[in-house]
């Protein structure tokens, strides 16, 4: 072939290669749907370099995994493997291309996948997929070439990998954004469901005023508050605090709420309720979590207050003369730790004008900018200073004192506060 002919052939080949790259870039930028994009990548590569099967792996740094949404031969199956696993993992970690003419002669090759898919891998070509900054965002694994790769194949793969990297990163970020939005929507729904679990405490039951609030430090929380009205003007308030925070604590709280609601239909003994809740929690969580819990039964007709406390902070009782006491006798360990736990019932006489304050540790352990806790002593002082106020007013005063004490500090724990005022007209 003459020099002129060689030059023309080279120009034709370069023009053809450029045309293929432009077509590939156009296809790669046609979607940000991750499964569709990976399918397009495999179609382009398979047609150009003539391989039997291919897989696009995405590096999930958060989970330290390789993820494949589309792999020829296993359509519809999402593959996840540790980042340091197999040939693709080696490429993802090193950023270097690996070309293996005999797959079974390489210790990094996982032959179990062949056995599962009834397939025989002969050779493997695996190259990194890089983003704009040159960081590895994925790996392209090609199996069983129909012919040896030539320089033109290698050059095409190098050139198209730049477009693959950009498209893959955009699609991956899009997927993460969608998942984040979905999670936010699910958390918002979970928060709404959680807030609606308690139908709302009434402002008054008989001669007892009631004011309560619960604030969560995350989208969902682990504080449990519920109210059960009984016959003859009696009612029960249950208040609990699940260990931990977030979704796990919220799930335990929801289960606790459902179980307690079911029990109140058939059991009217606070001790028995706490005991059954303890066994149920141990059975479902296998002692991996615990709940501090307090149950208060108010019988305003007889002027009696019955209280069972399982690891929970003692309530504060202020009589009409301004004398305060912490109801700290008869408490037991939190529920969820040990089977056959015994709890004791505390009974107190309640006079008109008395105030009972129930709370979780998110109130007393609220921190100021200097790291100081709000504390039980400060809570007692605020209650005494506002003893003549109604339950709603005292509740607002305590919350206002908490807000002032914390200043601009972020709330780090769920916080629930209940104020009962006895002898209301």
Protein backbone atom coordinates (compact mmCIF):
# COMPACT_ATOMS: atom_id res chain seq x y z
CA UNK A 1 0.00 0.00 0.00
CA UNK A 2 1.38 3.39 -0.98
CA UNK A 3 2.12 6.11 1.54
CA UNK A 4 -0.83 8.10 0.20
CA UNK A 5 -3.13 5.13 0.61
CA UNK A 6 -1.86 4.52 4.14
CA UNK A 7 -2.50 8.14 5.03
CA UNK A 8 -6.01 7.97 3.61
CA UNK A 9 -6.70 4.72 5.46
CA UNK A 10 -5.41 6.20 8.72
CA UNK A 11 -7.57 9.27 8.24
CA UNK A 12 -10.59 7.07 7.52
CA UNK A 13 -9.90 4.97 10.61
CA UNK A 14 -9.51 8.04 12.81
CA UNK A 15 -12.68 9.56 11.39
CA UNK A 16 -14.56 6.32 11.96
CA UNK A 17 -13.25 6.06 15.52
CA UNK A 18 -14.28 9.66 16.25
CA UNK A 19 -17.73 9.00 14.82
CA UNK A 20 -18.13 5.93 17.05
CA UNK A 21 -17.02 7.87 20.10
CA UNK A 22 -19.45 10.71 19.36
CA UNK A 23 -22.29 8.24 18.92
CA UNK A 24 -21.32 6.52 22.14
CA UNK A 25 -21.14 9.85 24.01
CA UNK A 26 -24.58 10.79 22.70
CA UNK A 27 -26.05 7.50 23.88
CA UNK A 28 -24.33 7.75 27.26
CA UNK A 29 -25.78 11.22 27.82
CA UNK A 30 -29.29 10.18 26.82
CA UNK A 31 -30.29 8.99 30.30
CA UNK A 32 -29.48 9.35 33.98
CA UNK A 33 -31.37 6.21 34.92
CA UNK A 34 -28.65 3.96 36.31
CA UNK A 35 -29.90 0.54 35.15
CA UNK A 36 -30.67 1.92 31.68
CA UNK A 37 -27.26 3.61 31.49
CA UNK A 38 -25.34 0.48 32.44
CA UNK A 39 -27.28 -1.44 29.81
CA UNK A 40 -26.28 1.16 27.20
CA UNK A 41 -22.63 0.95 28.29
CA UNK A 42 -22.57 -2.81 27.86
CA UNK A 43 -24.30 -2.64 24.47
CA UNK A 44 -21.80 -0.08 23.14
CA UNK A 45 -18.76 -1.98 24.40
CA UNK A 46 -20.01 -5.39 23.35
CA UNK A 47 -20.65 -4.23 19.79
CA UNK A 48 -17.29 -2.50 19.47
CA UNK A 49 -14.84 -4.97 20.99
CA UNK A 50 -16.75 -8.23 20.48
CA UNK A 51 -16.96 -9.80 23.92
CA UNK A 52 -19.49 -12.39 25.08
CA UNK A 53 -20.50 -10.85 28.40
CA UNK A 54 -19.83 -7.75 30.41
CA UNK A 55 -20.59 -6.16 33.76
CA UNK A 56 -20.49 -2.56 34.92
CA UNK A 57 -19.58 -2.28 38.61
CA UNK A 58 -20.17 0.92 40.57
CA UNK A 59 -18.06 1.76 43.61
CA UNK A 60 -20.28 2.44 46.63
CA UNK A 61 -17.83 4.14 48.99
CA UNK A 62 -20.36 4.51 51.80
CA UNK A 63 -20.89 0.76 52.01
CA UNK A 64 -17.42 -0.22 50.78
CA UNK A 65 -19.05 -2.37 48.13
CA UNK A 66 -19.15 -2.95 44.40
CA UNK A 67 -22.65 -2.73 42.96
CA UNK A 68 -23.87 -4.04 39.61
CA UNK A 69 -27.43 -3.32 38.48
CA UNK A 70 -27.12 -4.83 34.99
CA UNK A 71 -24.92 -7.79 34.09
CA UNK A 72 -25.36 -9.86 30.95
CA UNK A 73 -26.57 -13.32 31.82
CA UNK A 74 -28.06 -12.29 35.19
CA UNK A 75 -30.63 -9.69 34.14
CA UNK A 76 -32.89 -8.51 36.93
CA UNK A 77 -30.39 -9.42 39.63
CA UNK A 78 -28.55 -6.79 41.65
CA UNK A 79 -25.06 -7.93 42.53
CA UNK A 80 -23.24 -6.61 45.60
CA UNK A 81 -19.82 -7.69 46.76
CA UNK A 82 -17.12 -6.34 49.11
CA UNK A 83 -14.94 -3.66 47.55
CA UNK A 84 -11.83 -5.81 47.97
CA UNK A 85 -13.41 -8.86 46.31
CA UNK A 86 -12.47 -10.44 43.00
CA UNK A 87 -10.86 -9.00 39.91
CA UNK A 88 -13.25 -6.04 39.71
CA UNK A 89 -12.45 -5.22 43.34
CA UNK A 90 -8.72 -5.29 42.62
CA UNK A 91 -9.23 -2.88 39.71
CA UNK A 92 -11.47 -0.58 41.78
CA UNK A 93 -8.87 -0.38 44.56
CA UNK A 94 -5.75 -0.07 42.40
CA UNK A 95 -7.14 1.97 39.52
CA UNK A 96 -5.15 -0.26 37.14
CA UNK A 97 -6.43 -2.35 34.22
CA UNK A 98 -6.16 -6.12 34.59
CA UNK A 99 -6.02 -8.39 31.52
CA UNK A 100 -6.14 -12.12 32.27
CA UNK A 101 -5.92 -14.59 29.38
CA UNK A 102 -6.79 -17.59 31.61
CA UNK A 103 -9.32 -16.72 34.32
CA UNK A 104 -9.00 -19.99 36.25
CA UNK A 105 -5.25 -19.54 36.56
CA UNK A 106 -5.71 -16.32 38.54
CA UNK A 107 -6.35 -16.60 42.30
CA UNK A 108 -8.49 -13.45 42.27
CA UNK A 109 -11.08 -15.01 39.98
CA UNK A 110 -14.22 -16.27 41.74
CA UNK A 111 -15.19 -19.47 39.94
CA UNK A 112 -18.27 -19.91 42.15
CA UNK A 113 -20.10 -17.34 40.01
CA UNK A 114 -19.53 -19.50 36.92
CA UNK A 115 -20.93 -22.50 38.75
CA UNK A 116 -24.01 -20.53 39.82
CA UNK A 117 -24.68 -19.20 36.30
CA UNK A 118 -23.69 -22.39 34.46
CA UNK A 119 -21.12 -20.37 32.51
CA UNK A 120 -17.43 -20.84 31.68
CA UNK A 121 -15.22 -17.76 31.87
CA UNK A 122 -12.13 -18.10 29.72
CA UNK A 123 -10.52 -14.66 29.78
CA UNK A 124 -11.16 -11.43 31.69
CA UNK A 125 -10.43 -7.83 30.78
CA UNK A 126 -11.26 -5.36 33.56
CA UNK A 127 -10.59 -1.62 33.48
CA UNK A 128 -11.30 1.21 35.94
CA UNK A 129 -13.96 3.84 35.24
CA UNK A 130 -12.76 7.29 36.32
CA UNK A 131 -14.65 10.51 37.13
CA UNK A 132 -13.71 14.11 36.34
CA UNK A 133 -11.19 14.21 39.17
CA UNK A 134 -9.52 10.98 38.09
CA UNK A 135 -10.99 8.96 40.97
CA UNK A 136 -12.25 5.44 40.35
CA UNK A 137 -16.06 5.36 40.34
CA UNK A 138 -16.50 1.93 38.82
CA UNK A 139 -15.04 -0.99 36.92
CA UNK A 140 -15.90 -2.41 33.50
CA UNK A 141 -15.41 -6.19 33.38
CA UNK A 142 -15.44 -7.89 29.95
CA UNK A 143 -15.51 -11.69 29.52
CA UNK A 144 -14.63 -14.08 26.72
CA UNK A 145 -13.35 -12.13 23.73
CA UNK A 146 -14.25 -13.53 20.31
CA UNK A 147 -10.86 -12.32 19.11
CA UNK A 148 -7.76 -10.78 20.73
CA UNK A 149 -7.99 -7.06 21.50
CA UNK A 150 -5.99 -4.94 19.07
CA UNK A 151 -4.63 -1.44 19.57
CA UNK A 152 -7.81 0.04 18.12
CA UNK A 153 -9.90 -1.79 20.75
CA UNK A 154 -7.70 -0.57 23.59
CA UNK A 155 -7.79 2.99 22.30
CA UNK A 156 -11.58 2.91 21.93
CA UNK A 157 -11.99 1.61 25.49
CA UNK A 158 -9.64 4.27 26.89
CA UNK A 159 -11.44 7.06 25.05
CA UNK A 160 -14.98 5.92 25.75
CA UNK A 161 -14.19 5.28 29.43
CA UNK A 162 -13.98 9.06 29.97
CA UNK A 163 -17.58 9.48 28.78
CA UNK A 164 -18.67 6.39 30.72
CA UNK A 165 -17.15 7.81 33.90
CA UNK A 166 -18.94 11.15 33.57
CA UNK A 167 -22.28 9.57 32.72
CA UNK A 168 -21.97 6.93 35.44
CA UNK A 169 -21.11 9.48 38.13
CA UNK A 170 -24.06 11.69 37.15
CA UNK A 171 -26.44 8.73 37.17
CA UNK A 172 -25.09 7.49 40.52
CA UNK A 173 -25.50 10.93 42.09
CA UNK A 174 -29.02 11.12 40.65
CA UNK A 175 -29.88 7.75 42.17
CA UNK A 176 -28.50 8.78 45.55
CA UNK A 177 -30.54 12.00 45.40
CA UNK A 178 -33.70 10.04 44.62
CA UNK A 179 -32.98 7.62 47.46
CA UNK A 180 -32.37 10.53 49.82
CA UNK A 181 -35.65 12.15 48.85
CA UNK A 182 -37.45 8.84 49.24
CA UNK A 183 -35.88 8.36 52.67
CA UNK A 184 -36.87 11.89 53.69
CA UNK A 185 -40.44 11.24 52.57
CA UNK A 186 -40.54 7.93 54.43
CA UNK A 187 -39.11 9.55 57.56
CA UNK A 188 -41.68 12.35 57.34
CA UNK A 189 -44.44 9.75 57.05
CA UNK A 190 -42.94 7.76 59.94
CA UNK A 191 -42.78 10.91 62.02
CA UNK A 192 -46.44 11.68 61.27
CA UNK A 193 -47.48 8.13 62.10
CA UNK A 194 -45.48 8.24 65.32
CA UNK A 195 -47.03 11.54 66.35
CA UNK A 196 -50.48 10.14 65.65
CA UNK A 197 -49.94 7.01 67.74
CA UNK A 198 -51.06 8.95 70.78
CA UNK A 199 -54.47 10.46 70.00
CA UNK A 200 -53.57 13.50 72.08
CA UNK A 201 -53.80 13.90 75.80
CA UNK A 202 -56.89 15.83 76.88
CA UNK A 203 -56.37 19.13 78.63
CA UNK A 204 -58.48 17.88 81.52
CA UNK A 205 -59.82 14.60 82.89
CA UNK A 206 -62.27 15.12 85.72
CA UNK A 207 -60.61 17.43 88.22
CA UNK A 208 -57.11 16.90 86.79
CA UNK A 209 -55.53 19.30 84.31
CA UNK A 210 -53.09 17.74 81.85
CA UNK A 211 -50.42 19.38 79.71
CA UNK A 212 -47.86 17.42 77.73
CA UNK A 213 -45.39 17.68 74.86
CA UNK A 214 -42.75 15.54 73.19
CA UNK A 215 -40.00 16.84 70.94
CA UNK A 216 -37.66 14.62 68.91
CA UNK A 217 -34.01 15.37 68.21
CA UNK A 218 -34.21 13.43 64.91
CA UNK A 219 -36.93 12.78 62.35
CA UNK A 220 -38.31 9.98 64.52
CA UNK A 221 -37.73 9.31 68.17
CA UNK A 222 -37.72 6.77 70.96
CA UNK A 223 -39.75 8.54 73.66
CA UNK A 224 -43.07 6.85 74.37
CA UNK A 225 -46.07 8.73 75.71
CA UNK A 226 -49.65 7.53 75.87
CA UNK A 227 -52.89 8.11 77.72
CA UNK A 228 -55.62 5.58 78.55
CA UNK A 229 -58.93 6.61 79.99
CA UNK A 230 -60.54 4.13 82.36
CA UNK A 231 -63.93 3.91 84.04
CA UNK A 232 -64.95 6.06 87.02
CA UNK A 233 -62.83 9.08 86.06
CA UNK A 234 -59.57 7.17 86.28
CA UNK A 235 -56.80 7.31 83.69
CA UNK A 236 -53.33 5.93 83.05
CA UNK A 237 -50.35 7.76 81.60
CA UNK A 238 -47.45 5.70 80.30
CA UNK A 239 -44.10 7.36 79.68
CA UNK A 240 -41.01 5.60 78.40
CA UNK A 241 -37.60 6.17 76.88
CA UNK A 242 -36.11 3.61 74.48
CA UNK A 243 -32.33 3.23 74.54
CA UNK A 244 -30.70 4.71 71.46
CA UNK A 245 -32.13 7.15 68.95
CA UNK A 246 -33.49 7.30 65.44
CA UNK A 247 -35.31 4.64 63.45
CA UNK A 248 -34.33 1.67 65.62
CA UNK A 249 -35.61 3.35 68.78
CA UNK A 250 -38.76 4.48 66.96
CA UNK A 251 -39.53 0.90 65.87
CA UNK A 252 -39.19 -0.35 69.44
CA UNK A 253 -41.38 2.51 70.66
CA UNK A 254 -44.07 1.69 68.09
CA UNK A 255 -44.05 -1.98 69.11
CA UNK A 256 -44.24 -0.98 72.77
CA UNK A 257 -47.20 1.29 72.05
CA UNK A 258 -49.12 -1.43 70.19
CA UNK A 259 -48.46 -4.05 72.87
CA UNK A 260 -49.44 -1.73 75.69
CA UNK A 261 -52.66 -0.70 73.92
CA UNK A 262 -53.60 -4.36 73.53
CA UNK A 263 -52.83 -5.10 77.19
CA UNK A 264 -54.97 -2.26 78.51
CA UNK A 265 -58.03 -3.92 77.00
CA UNK A 266 -57.63 -6.91 79.30
CA UNK A 267 -55.22 -6.02 82.14
CA UNK A 268 -55.76 -3.25 84.68
CA UNK A 269 -52.76 -3.96 86.94
CA UNK A 270 -49.78 -1.67 86.33
CA UNK A 271 -47.38 -4.26 87.73
CA UNK A 272 -48.76 -6.94 85.42
CA UNK A 273 -48.59 -4.62 82.40
CA UNK A 274 -44.93 -3.77 83.06
CA UNK A 275 -44.09 -7.44 83.56
CA UNK A 276 -45.70 -8.51 80.27
CA UNK A 277 -44.06 -5.63 78.39
CA UNK A 278 -40.70 -6.72 79.79
CA UNK A 279 -41.08 -10.31 78.59
CA UNK A 280 -42.35 -9.14 75.19
CA UNK A 281 -39.39 -6.80 74.71
CA UNK A 282 -36.88 -9.49 75.66
CA UNK A 283 -38.52 -11.89 73.20
CA UNK A 284 -38.49 -9.44 70.28
CA UNK A 285 -35.10 -7.74 70.81
CA UNK A 286 -33.23 -10.55 72.64
CA UNK A 287 -32.03 -8.12 75.30
CA UNK A 288 -30.32 -5.92 72.68
CA UNK A 289 -32.22 -2.85 73.82
CA UNK A 290 -34.00 -1.63 76.92
CA UNK A 291 -36.68 0.86 77.85
CA UNK A 292 -37.07 2.97 80.97
CA UNK A 293 -40.77 3.11 81.71
CA UNK A 294 -43.16 4.63 84.17
CA UNK A 295 -46.87 3.99 84.48
CA UNK A 296 -49.10 6.30 86.52
CA UNK A 297 -52.71 5.53 87.36
CA UNK A 298 -54.65 8.54 88.65
CA UNK A 299 -57.83 7.95 90.66
CA UNK A 300 -59.05 11.45 91.44
CA UNK A 301 -62.26 10.15 93.06
CA UNK A 302 -60.29 8.52 95.87
CA UNK A 303 -57.40 10.98 95.80
CA UNK A 304 -54.92 8.22 95.04
CA UNK A 305 -51.94 8.10 92.72
CA UNK A 306 -50.55 4.67 91.80
CA UNK A 307 -47.13 4.50 90.19
CA UNK A 308 -44.89 1.75 88.80
CA UNK A 309 -41.38 2.70 87.68
CA UNK A 310 -38.95 0.54 85.71
CA UNK A 311 -35.61 2.30 85.51
CA UNK A 312 -37.24 5.61 84.73
CA UNK A 313 -36.40 8.91 86.39
CA UNK A 314 -38.61 9.53 89.44
CA UNK A 315 -41.53 11.91 88.95
CA UNK A 316 -41.69 15.14 90.93
CA UNK A 317 -44.67 15.68 93.23
CA UNK A 318 -45.37 19.16 94.60
CA UNK A 319 -48.12 19.49 97.22
CA UNK A 320 -50.41 22.48 97.65
CA UNK A 321 -48.11 23.95 100.32
CA UNK A 322 -45.12 23.98 97.98
CA UNK A 323 -43.37 20.94 99.48
CA UNK A 324 -41.78 18.74 96.83
CA UNK A 325 -40.65 15.14 96.78
CA UNK A 326 -39.24 12.73 94.22
CA UNK A 327 -41.29 9.53 94.00
CA UNK A 328 -38.22 7.30 93.93
CA UNK A 329 -39.27 4.32 96.05
CA UNK A 330 -40.10 0.92 94.60
CA UNK A 331 -38.37 1.39 91.26
CA UNK A 332 -36.86 -1.52 89.33
CA UNK A 333 -34.47 -2.03 86.42
CA UNK A 334 -35.50 -0.95 82.89
CA UNK A 335 -37.57 -3.45 80.94
CA UNK A 336 -35.96 -5.58 78.24
CA UNK A 337 -32.92 -6.75 80.22
CA UNK A 338 -33.89 -9.65 82.47
CA UNK A 339 -36.78 -12.10 82.53
CA UNK A 340 -39.11 -12.50 85.51
CA UNK A 341 -38.46 -8.92 86.63
CA UNK A 342 -40.39 -7.87 89.74
CA UNK A 343 -41.81 -4.37 90.07
CA UNK A 344 -43.49 -2.68 93.02
CA UNK A 345 -46.48 -0.40 93.12
CA UNK A 346 -46.14 2.98 94.79
CA UNK A 347 -49.30 4.60 96.12
CA UNK A 348 -49.59 8.22 97.23
CA UNK A 349 -52.36 10.44 98.52
CA UNK A 350 -52.99 13.44 96.29
CA UNK A 351 -54.58 16.62 97.61
CA UNK A 352 -56.15 19.42 95.61
CA UNK A 353 -53.57 21.91 94.40
CA UNK A 354 -50.86 19.28 94.01
CA UNK A 355 -48.75 19.01 90.85
CA UNK A 356 -47.11 15.94 89.35
CA UNK A 357 -44.34 16.29 86.74
CA UNK A 358 -43.28 13.37 84.55
CA UNK A 359 -40.34 13.67 82.16
CA UNK A 360 -37.66 11.82 80.19
CA UNK A 361 -33.94 12.41 80.57
CA UNK A 362 -34.03 14.69 77.53
CA UNK A 363 -35.39 17.31 79.97
CA UNK A 364 -32.98 16.98 82.88
CA UNK A 365 -29.96 16.17 80.68
CA UNK A 366 -30.49 19.06 78.28
CA UNK A 367 -27.15 20.86 77.95
CA UNK A 368 -26.16 24.51 77.99
CA UNK A 369 -23.38 25.93 75.86
CA UNK A 370 -20.89 25.10 78.61
CA UNK A 371 -21.99 21.45 78.75
CA UNK A 372 -23.91 21.81 82.03
CA UNK A 373 -27.08 19.74 82.47
CA UNK A 374 -30.43 21.36 83.22
CA UNK A 375 -30.71 18.87 86.08
CA UNK A 376 -33.35 17.76 88.58
CA UNK A 377 -32.57 20.60 91.00
CA UNK A 378 -33.27 23.26 88.38
CA UNK A 379 -36.45 21.46 87.31
CA UNK A 380 -37.64 21.41 90.94
CA UNK A 381 -36.92 25.12 91.30
CA UNK A 382 -38.87 26.02 88.14
CA UNK A 383 -41.87 23.94 89.25
CA UNK A 384 -41.89 25.58 92.68
CA UNK A 385 -41.58 29.05 91.19
CA UNK A 386 -44.70 28.45 89.10
CA UNK A 387 -46.73 26.31 91.51
CA UNK A 388 -49.80 28.53 91.40
CA UNK A 389 -50.08 28.30 87.61
CA UNK A 390 -52.33 25.95 85.70
CA UNK A 391 -50.89 22.77 84.20
CA UNK A 392 -50.65 24.40 80.76
CA UNK A 393 -48.96 27.52 82.13
CA UNK A 394 -46.49 25.52 84.23
CA UNK A 395 -45.71 23.33 81.25
CA UNK A 396 -44.96 26.41 79.13
CA UNK A 397 -42.80 27.84 81.92
CA UNK A 398 -40.69 24.67 82.13
CA UNK A 399 -40.24 24.54 78.35
CA UNK A 400 -39.33 28.23 78.28
CA UNK A 401 -36.74 27.70 81.04
CA UNK A 402 -35.27 24.79 79.08
CA UNK A 403 -35.02 26.89 75.92
CA UNK A 404 -33.35 29.77 77.77
CA UNK A 405 -30.94 27.38 79.49
CA UNK A 406 -29.91 25.69 76.23
CA UNK A 407 -29.51 28.97 74.38
CA UNK A 408 -28.72 28.15 70.78
CA UNK A 409 -27.50 24.63 71.52
CA UNK A 410 -28.90 21.78 69.44
CA UNK A 411 -31.22 19.30 71.12
CA UNK A 412 -29.34 15.99 71.36
CA UNK A 413 -32.02 13.74 72.88
CA UNK A 414 -35.76 13.27 72.68
CA UNK A 415 -37.54 15.30 75.34
CA UNK A 416 -40.97 14.54 76.80
CA UNK A 417 -42.68 16.52 79.57
CA UNK A 418 -46.04 15.91 81.29
CA UNK A 419 -47.60 18.16 83.94
CA UNK A 420 -50.67 17.10 85.97
CA UNK A 421 -52.47 19.61 88.17
CA UNK A 422 -54.95 18.19 90.69
CA UNK A 423 -58.12 19.84 91.97
CA UNK A 424 -59.07 21.83 88.87
CA UNK A 425 -62.64 23.09 88.73
